[in-house]
Amino acid sequence: MSQCQAILQHLESGETLTPLQAFNLYGTLALHSRIAELRKRGHLIDCDLIAVLNGKHVGCYSLIKVPYG
């Protein structure tokens, strides 16, 4: 399974994903690039900035679910 597939599956499960989590779970140092690839394929992915313990902010990605109908 590719990193993009694994990340998409993670997001489709309703979970969010930060760069540190992506590194620990999927071995990617470039989550932003994988997200860009998924967006290019048509997936709607949101990014919220969250504060971490050292006061810096990181992106926290989530899949935007579009209602059917």
PDB file of N, CA and C in Angstrom:
ATOM      1  N   MET A   1       0.853  -1.176   0.000  1.00  0.00           N
ATOM      2  CA  MET A   1       0.000   0.000   0.000  1.00  0.00           C
ATOM      3  C   MET A   1       0.901   1.242   0.000  1.00  0.00           C
ATOM      4  N   SER A   2       0.574   2.192  -0.853  1.00  0.00           N
ATOM      5  CA  SER A   2       1.380   3.412  -0.925  1.00  0.00           C
ATOM      6  C   SER A   2       1.076   4.328   0.265  1.00  0.00           C
ATOM      7  N   GLN A   3       1.946   5.297   0.478  1.00  0.00           N
ATOM      8  CA  GLN A   3       1.716   6.263   1.556  1.00  0.00           C
ATOM      9  C   GLN A   3       0.413   7.017   1.327  1.00  0.00           C
ATOM     10  N   CYS A   4       0.150   7.415   0.086  1.00  0.00           N
ATOM     11  CA  CYS A   4      -1.092   8.135  -0.208  1.00  0.00           C
ATOM     12  C   CYS A   4      -2.315   7.286   0.132  1.00  0.00           C
ATOM     13  N   GLN A   5      -2.276   6.019  -0.254  1.00  0.00           N
ATOM     14  CA  GLN A   5      -3.400   5.132   0.041  1.00  0.00           C
ATOM     15  C   GLN A   5      -3.592   4.973   1.541  1.00  0.00           C
ATOM     16  N   ALA A   6      -2.495   4.804   2.259  1.00  0.00           N
ATOM     17  CA  ALA A   6      -2.578   4.633   3.715  1.00  0.00           C
ATOM     18  C   ALA A   6      -3.104   5.893   4.382  1.00  0.00           C
ATOM     19  N   ILE A   7      -2.649   7.048   3.935  1.00  0.00           N
ATOM     20  CA  ILE A   7      -3.093   8.322   4.507  1.00  0.00           C
ATOM     21  C   ILE A   7      -4.569   8.537   4.201  1.00  0.00           C
ATOM     22  N   LEU A   8      -4.990   8.260   2.967  1.00  0.00           N
ATOM     23  CA  LEU A   8      -6.399   8.415   2.614  1.00  0.00           C
ATOM     24  C   LEU A   8      -7.268   7.480   3.447  1.00  0.00           C
ATOM     25  N   GLN A   9      -6.845   6.255   3.618  1.00  0.00           N
ATOM     26  CA  GLN A   9      -7.603   5.305   4.439  1.00  0.00           C
ATOM     27  C   GLN A   9      -7.720   5.811   5.877  1.00  0.00           C
ATOM     28  N   HIS A  10      -6.636   6.357   6.398  1.00  0.00           N
ATOM     29  CA  HIS A  10      -6.633   6.922   7.751  1.00  0.00           C
ATOM     30  C   HIS A  10      -7.665   8.043   7.848  1.00  0.00           C
ATOM     31  N   LEU A  11      -7.630   8.970   6.889  1.00  0.00           N
ATOM     32  CA  LEU A  11      -8.557  10.099   6.913  1.00  0.00           C
ATOM     33  C   LEU A  11     -10.002   9.652   6.687  1.00  0.00           C
ATOM     34  N   GLU A  12     -10.203   8.664   5.827  1.00  0.00           N
ATOM     35  CA  GLU A  12     -11.555   8.160   5.567  1.00  0.00           C
ATOM     36  C   GLU A  12     -12.162   7.500   6.802  1.00  0.00           C
ATOM     37  N   SER A  13     -11.316   7.058   7.734  1.00  0.00           N
ATOM     38  CA  SER A  13     -11.832   6.444   8.960  1.00  0.00           C
ATOM     39  C   SER A  13     -12.357   7.496   9.935  1.00  0.00           C
ATOM     40  N   GLY A  14     -12.212   8.772   9.574  1.00  0.00           N
ATOM     41  CA  GLY A  14     -12.707   9.843  10.431  1.00  0.00           C
ATOM     42  C   GLY A  14     -11.654  10.443  11.336  1.00  0.00           C
ATOM     43  N   GLU A  15     -10.449   9.929  11.278  1.00  0.00           N
ATOM     44  CA  GLU A  15      -9.354  10.429  12.106  1.00  0.00           C
ATOM     45  C   GLU A  15      -8.682  11.630  11.448  1.00  0.00           C
ATOM     46  N   THR A  16      -8.018  12.440  12.258  1.00  0.00           N
ATOM     47  CA  THR A  16      -7.192  13.521  11.754  1.00  0.00           C
ATOM     48  C   THR A  16      -5.749  13.032  11.697  1.00  0.00           C
ATOM     49  N   LEU A  17      -4.879  13.836  11.073  1.00  0.00           N
ATOM     50  CA  LEU A  17      -3.492  13.411  10.919  1.00  0.00           C
ATOM     51  C   LEU A  17      -2.570  14.624  10.941  1.00  0.00           C
ATOM     52  N   THR A  18      -1.547  14.555  11.787  1.00  0.00           N
ATOM     53  CA  THR A  18      -0.517  15.594  11.856  1.00  0.00           C
ATOM     54  C   THR A  18       0.762  15.043  11.224  1.00  0.00           C
ATOM     55  N   PRO A  19       1.714  15.916  10.907  1.00  0.00           N
ATOM     56  CA  PRO A  19       2.969  15.427  10.331  1.00  0.00           C
ATOM     57  C   PRO A  19       3.697  14.417  11.221  1.00  0.00           C
ATOM     58  N   LEU A  20       3.711  14.619  12.522  1.00  0.00           N
ATOM     59  CA  LEU A  20       4.383  13.670  13.410  1.00  0.00           C
ATOM     60  C   LEU A  20       3.686  12.312  13.392  1.00  0.00           C
ATOM     61  N   GLN A  21       2.367  12.319  13.413  1.00  0.00           N
ATOM     62  CA  GLN A  21       1.625  11.061  13.336  1.00  0.00           C
ATOM     63  C   GLN A  21       1.900  10.357  12.012  1.00  0.00           C
ATOM     64  N   ALA A  22       1.930  11.128  10.917  1.00  0.00           N
ATOM     65  CA  ALA A  22       2.181  10.547   9.601  1.00  0.00           C
ATOM     66  C   ALA A  22       3.560   9.903   9.542  1.00  0.00           C
ATOM     67  N   PHE A  23       4.540  10.544  10.164  1.00  0.00           N
ATOM     68  CA  PHE A  23       5.879   9.962  10.197  1.00  0.00           C
ATOM     69  C   PHE A  23       5.877   8.666  11.011  1.00  0.00           C
ATOM     70  N   ASN A  24       5.277   8.710  12.185  1.00  0.00           N
ATOM     71  CA  ASN A  24       5.262   7.528  13.059  1.00  0.00           C
ATOM     72  C   ASN A  24       4.468   6.371  12.464  1.00  0.00           C
ATOM     73  N   LEU A  25       3.349   6.672  11.801  1.00  0.00           N
ATOM     74  CA  LEU A  25       2.480   5.623  11.278  1.00  0.00           C
ATOM     75  C   LEU A  25       2.870   5.143   9.886  1.00  0.00           C
ATOM     76  N   TYR A  26       3.297   6.087   9.017  1.00  0.00           N
ATOM     77  CA  TYR A  26       3.474   5.761   7.606  1.00  0.00           C
ATOM     78  C   TYR A  26       4.865   6.070   7.060  1.00  0.00           C
ATOM     79  N   GLY A  27       5.734   6.600   7.904  1.00  0.00           N
ATOM     80  CA  GLY A  27       7.113   6.832   7.501  1.00  0.00           C
ATOM     81  C   GLY A  27       7.333   7.985   6.544  1.00  0.00           C
ATOM     82  N   THR A  28       6.369   8.873   6.421  1.00  0.00           N
ATOM     83  CA  THR A  28       6.529   9.990   5.506  1.00  0.00           C
ATOM     84  C   THR A  28       6.995  11.245   6.236  1.00  0.00           C
ATOM     85  N   LEU A  29       7.969  11.914   5.658  1.00  0.00           N
ATOM     86  CA  LEU A  29       8.432  13.201   6.173  1.00  0.00           C
ATOM     87  C   LEU A  29       7.782  14.351   5.413  1.00  0.00           C
ATOM     88  N   ALA A  30       6.955  14.044   4.440  1.00  0.00           N
ATOM     89  CA  ALA A  30       6.364  15.070   3.577  1.00  0.00           C
ATOM     90  C   ALA A  30       4.847  14.893   3.495  1.00  0.00           C
ATOM     91  N   LEU A  31       4.197  14.978   4.637  1.00  0.00           N
ATOM     92  CA  LEU A  31       2.739  14.826   4.649  1.00  0.00           C
ATOM     93  C   LEU A  31       2.076  15.854   3.744  1.00  0.00           C
ATOM     94  N   HIS A  32       2.573  17.088   3.761  1.00  0.00           N
ATOM     95  CA  HIS A  32       1.973  18.126   2.927  1.00  0.00           C
ATOM     96  C   HIS A  32       1.997  17.745   1.443  1.00  0.00           C
ATOM     97  N   SER A  33       3.041  17.053   1.013  1.00  0.00           N
ATOM     98  CA  SER A  33       3.129  16.617  -0.386  1.00  0.00           C
ATOM     99  C   SER A  33       2.138  15.499  -0.678  1.00  0.00           C
ATOM    100  N   ARG A  34       1.997  14.563   0.261  1.00  0.00           N
ATOM    101  CA  ARG A  34       1.017  13.490   0.069  1.00  0.00           C
ATOM    102  C   ARG A  34      -0.401  14.060   0.045  1.00  0.00           C
ATOM    103  N   ILE A  35      -0.669  15.051   0.904  1.00  0.00           N
ATOM    104  CA  ILE A  35      -1.983  15.701   0.924  1.00  0.00           C
ATOM    105  C   ILE A  35      -2.223  16.412  -0.406  1.00  0.00           C
ATOM    106  N   ALA A  36      -1.203  17.084  -0.935  1.00  0.00           N
ATOM    107  CA  ALA A  36      -1.333  17.767  -2.228  1.00  0.00           C
ATOM    108  C   ALA A  36      -1.671  16.766  -3.336  1.00  0.00           C
ATOM    109  N   GLU A  37      -1.042  15.596  -3.305  1.00  0.00           N
ATOM    110  CA  GLU A  37      -1.350  14.558  -4.290  1.00  0.00           C
ATOM    111  C   GLU A  37      -2.801  14.106  -4.173  1.00  0.00           C
ATOM    112  N   LEU A  38      -3.267  13.913  -2.944  1.00  0.00           N
ATOM    113  CA  LEU A  38      -4.656  13.484  -2.739  1.00  0.00           C
ATOM    114  C   LEU A  38      -5.635  14.566  -3.186  1.00  0.00           C
ATOM    115  N   ARG A  39      -5.322  15.813  -2.906  1.00  0.00           N
ATOM    116  CA  ARG A  39      -6.181  16.909  -3.359  1.00  0.00           C
ATOM    117  C   ARG A  39      -6.231  16.973  -4.878  1.00  0.00           C
ATOM    118  N   LYS A  40      -5.094  16.741  -5.516  1.00  0.00           N
ATOM    119  CA  LYS A  40      -5.026  16.750  -6.982  1.00  0.00           C
ATOM    120  C   LYS A  40      -5.908  15.652  -7.565  1.00  0.00           C
ATOM    121  N   ARG A  41      -6.067  14.568  -6.824  1.00  0.00           N
ATOM    122  CA  ARG A  41      -6.935  13.454  -7.257  1.00  0.00           C
ATOM    123  C   ARG A  41      -8.406  13.715  -6.949  1.00  0.00           C
ATOM    124  N   GLY A  42      -8.702  14.877  -6.351  1.00  0.00           N
ATOM    125  CA  GLY A  42     -10.091  15.251  -6.122  1.00  0.00           C
ATOM    126  C   GLY A  42     -10.606  15.105  -4.705  1.00  0.00           C
ATOM    127  N   HIS A  43      -9.772  14.691  -3.780  1.00  0.00           N
ATOM    128  CA  HIS A  43     -10.211  14.544  -2.395  1.00  0.00           C
ATOM    129  C   HIS A  43     -10.211  15.904  -1.704  1.00  0.00           C
ATOM    130  N   LEU A  44     -11.266  16.174  -0.960  1.00  0.00           N
ATOM    131  CA  LEU A  44     -11.386  17.438  -0.229  1.00  0.00           C
ATOM    132  C   LEU A  44     -10.801  17.242   1.164  1.00  0.00           C
ATOM    133  N   ILE A  45      -9.675  17.893   1.413  1.00  0.00           N
ATOM    134  CA  ILE A  45      -8.970  17.730   2.680  1.00  0.00           C
ATOM    135  C   ILE A  45      -8.757  19.095   3.301  1.00  0.00           C
ATOM    136  N   ASP A  46      -9.140  19.218   4.555  1.00  0.00           N
ATOM    137  CA  ASP A  46      -9.026  20.462   5.308  1.00  0.00           C
ATOM    138  C   ASP A  46      -7.757  20.426   6.153  1.00  0.00           C
ATOM    139  N   CYS A  47      -7.231  21.602   6.442  1.00  0.00           N
ATOM    140  CA  CYS A  47      -6.060  21.711   7.307  1.00  0.00           C
ATOM    141  C   CYS A  47      -6.321  22.788   8.345  1.00  0.00           C
ATOM    142  N   ASP A  48      -6.300  22.406   9.598  1.00  0.00           N
ATOM    143  CA  ASP A  48      -6.403  23.350  10.708  1.00  0.00           C
ATOM    144  C   ASP A  48      -5.043  23.425  11.377  1.00  0.00           C
ATOM    145  N   LEU A  49      -4.655  24.617  11.780  1.00  0.00           N
ATOM    146  CA  LEU A  49      -3.407  24.763  12.526  1.00  0.00           C
ATOM    147  C   LEU A  49      -3.693  24.549  14.001  1.00  0.00           C
ATOM    148  N   ILE A  50      -2.894  23.691  14.630  1.00  0.00           N
ATOM    149  CA  ILE A  50      -3.055  23.432  16.053  1.00  0.00           C
ATOM    150  C   ILE A  50      -1.737  23.729  16.761  1.00  0.00           C
ATOM    151  N   ALA A  51      -1.834  24.182  17.993  1.00  0.00           N
ATOM    152  CA  ALA A  51      -0.640  24.461  18.797  1.00  0.00           C
ATOM    153  C   ALA A  51      -0.138  23.168  19.420  1.00  0.00           C
ATOM    154  N   VAL A  52       1.170  22.987  19.412  1.00  0.00           N
ATOM    155  CA  VAL A  52       1.779  21.835  20.058  1.00  0.00           C
ATOM    156  C   VAL A  52       2.510  22.303  21.313  1.00  0.00           C
ATOM    157  N   LEU A  53       3.069  21.391  22.062  1.00  0.00           N
ATOM    158  CA  LEU A  53       3.624  21.693  23.381  1.00  0.00           C
ATOM    159  C   LEU A  53       4.654  22.815  23.392  1.00  0.00           C
ATOM    160  N   ASN A  54       5.468  22.939  22.365  1.00  0.00           N
ATOM    161  CA  ASN A  54       6.506  23.965  22.356  1.00  0.00           C
ATOM    162  C   ASN A  54       5.993  25.328  21.888  1.00  0.00           C
ATOM    163  N   GLY A  55       4.695  25.460  21.674  1.00  0.00           N
ATOM    164  CA  GLY A  55       4.099  26.725  21.263  1.00  0.00           C
ATOM    165  C   GLY A  55       4.036  26.928  19.763  1.00  0.00           C
ATOM    166  N   LYS A  56       4.654  26.048  19.011  1.00  0.00           N
ATOM    167  CA  LYS A  56       4.584  26.135  17.552  1.00  0.00           C
ATOM    168  C   LYS A  56       3.253  25.584  17.068  1.00  0.00           C
ATOM    169  N   HIS A  57       2.957  25.827  15.805  1.00  0.00           N
ATOM    170  CA  HIS A  57       1.722  25.339  15.203  1.00  0.00           C
ATOM    171  C   HIS A  57       2.049  24.367  14.076  1.00  0.00           C
ATOM    172  N   VAL A  58       1.245  23.328  13.971  1.00  0.00           N
ATOM    173  CA  VAL A  58       1.393  22.335  12.900  1.00  0.00           C
ATOM    174  C   VAL A  58       0.038  22.121  12.242  1.00  0.00           C
ATOM    175  N   GLY A  59       0.079  21.631  11.016  1.00  0.00           N
ATOM    176  CA  GLY A  59      -1.159  21.329  10.311  1.00  0.00           C
ATOM    177  C   GLY A  59      -1.775  20.040  10.813  1.00  0.00           C
ATOM    178  N   CYS A  60      -3.073  20.058  10.960  1.00  0.00           N
ATOM    179  CA  CYS A  60      -3.834  18.874  11.348  1.00  0.00           C
ATOM    180  C   CYS A  60      -4.866  18.644  10.241  1.00  0.00           C
ATOM    181  N   TYR A  61      -4.686  17.575   9.486  1.00  0.00           N
ATOM    182  CA  TYR A  61      -5.487  17.328   8.289  1.00  0.00           C
ATOM    183  C   TYR A  61      -6.688  16.435   8.587  1.00  0.00           C
ATOM    184  N   SER A  62      -7.782  16.730   7.896  1.00  0.00           N
ATOM    185  CA  SER A  62      -8.984  15.906   8.007  1.00  0.00           C
ATOM    186  C   SER A  62      -9.691  15.893   6.658  1.00  0.00           C
ATOM    187  N   LEU A  63     -10.427  14.836   6.424  1.00  0.00           N
ATOM    188  CA  LEU A  63     -11.178  14.683   5.186  1.00  0.00           C
ATOM    189  C   LEU A  63     -12.505  15.416   5.326  1.00  0.00           C
ATOM    190  N   ILE A  64     -12.845  16.209   4.327  1.00  0.00           N
ATOM    191  CA  ILE A  64     -14.147  16.896   4.309  1.00  0.00           C
ATOM    192  C   ILE A  64     -15.159  15.953   3.719  1.00  0.00           C
ATOM    193  N   LYS A  65     -16.157  15.646   4.483  1.00  0.00           N
ATOM    194  CA  LYS A  65     -17.202  14.737   4.009  1.00  0.00           C
ATOM    195  C   LYS A  65     -18.326  15.548   3.393  1.00  0.00           C
ATOM    196  N   VAL A  66     -18.599  15.257   2.137  1.00  0.00           N
ATOM    197  CA  VAL A  66     -19.648  15.965   1.393  1.00  0.00           C
ATOM    198  C   VAL A  66     -20.926  15.140   1.507  1.00  0.00           C
ATOM    199  N   PRO A  67     -22.016  15.750   1.979  1.00  0.00           N
ATOM    200  CA  PRO A  67     -23.266  14.998   2.101  1.00  0.00           C
ATOM    201  C   PRO A  67     -23.827  14.628   0.723  1.00  0.00           C
ATOM    202  N   TYR A  68     -24.385  13.451   0.650  1.00  0.00           N
ATOM    203  CA  TYR A  68     -25.005  12.998  -0.600  1.00  0.00           C
ATOM    204  C   TYR A  68     -26.427  13.511  -0.667  1.00  0.00           C
ATOM    205  N   GLY A  69     -26.897  13.708  -1.883  1.00  0.00           N
ATOM    206  CA  GLY A  69     -28.294  14.057  -2.025  1.00  0.00           C
ATOM    207  C   GLY A  69     -28.438  15.333  -2.701  1.00  0.00           C
TER     208      GLY A  69
END
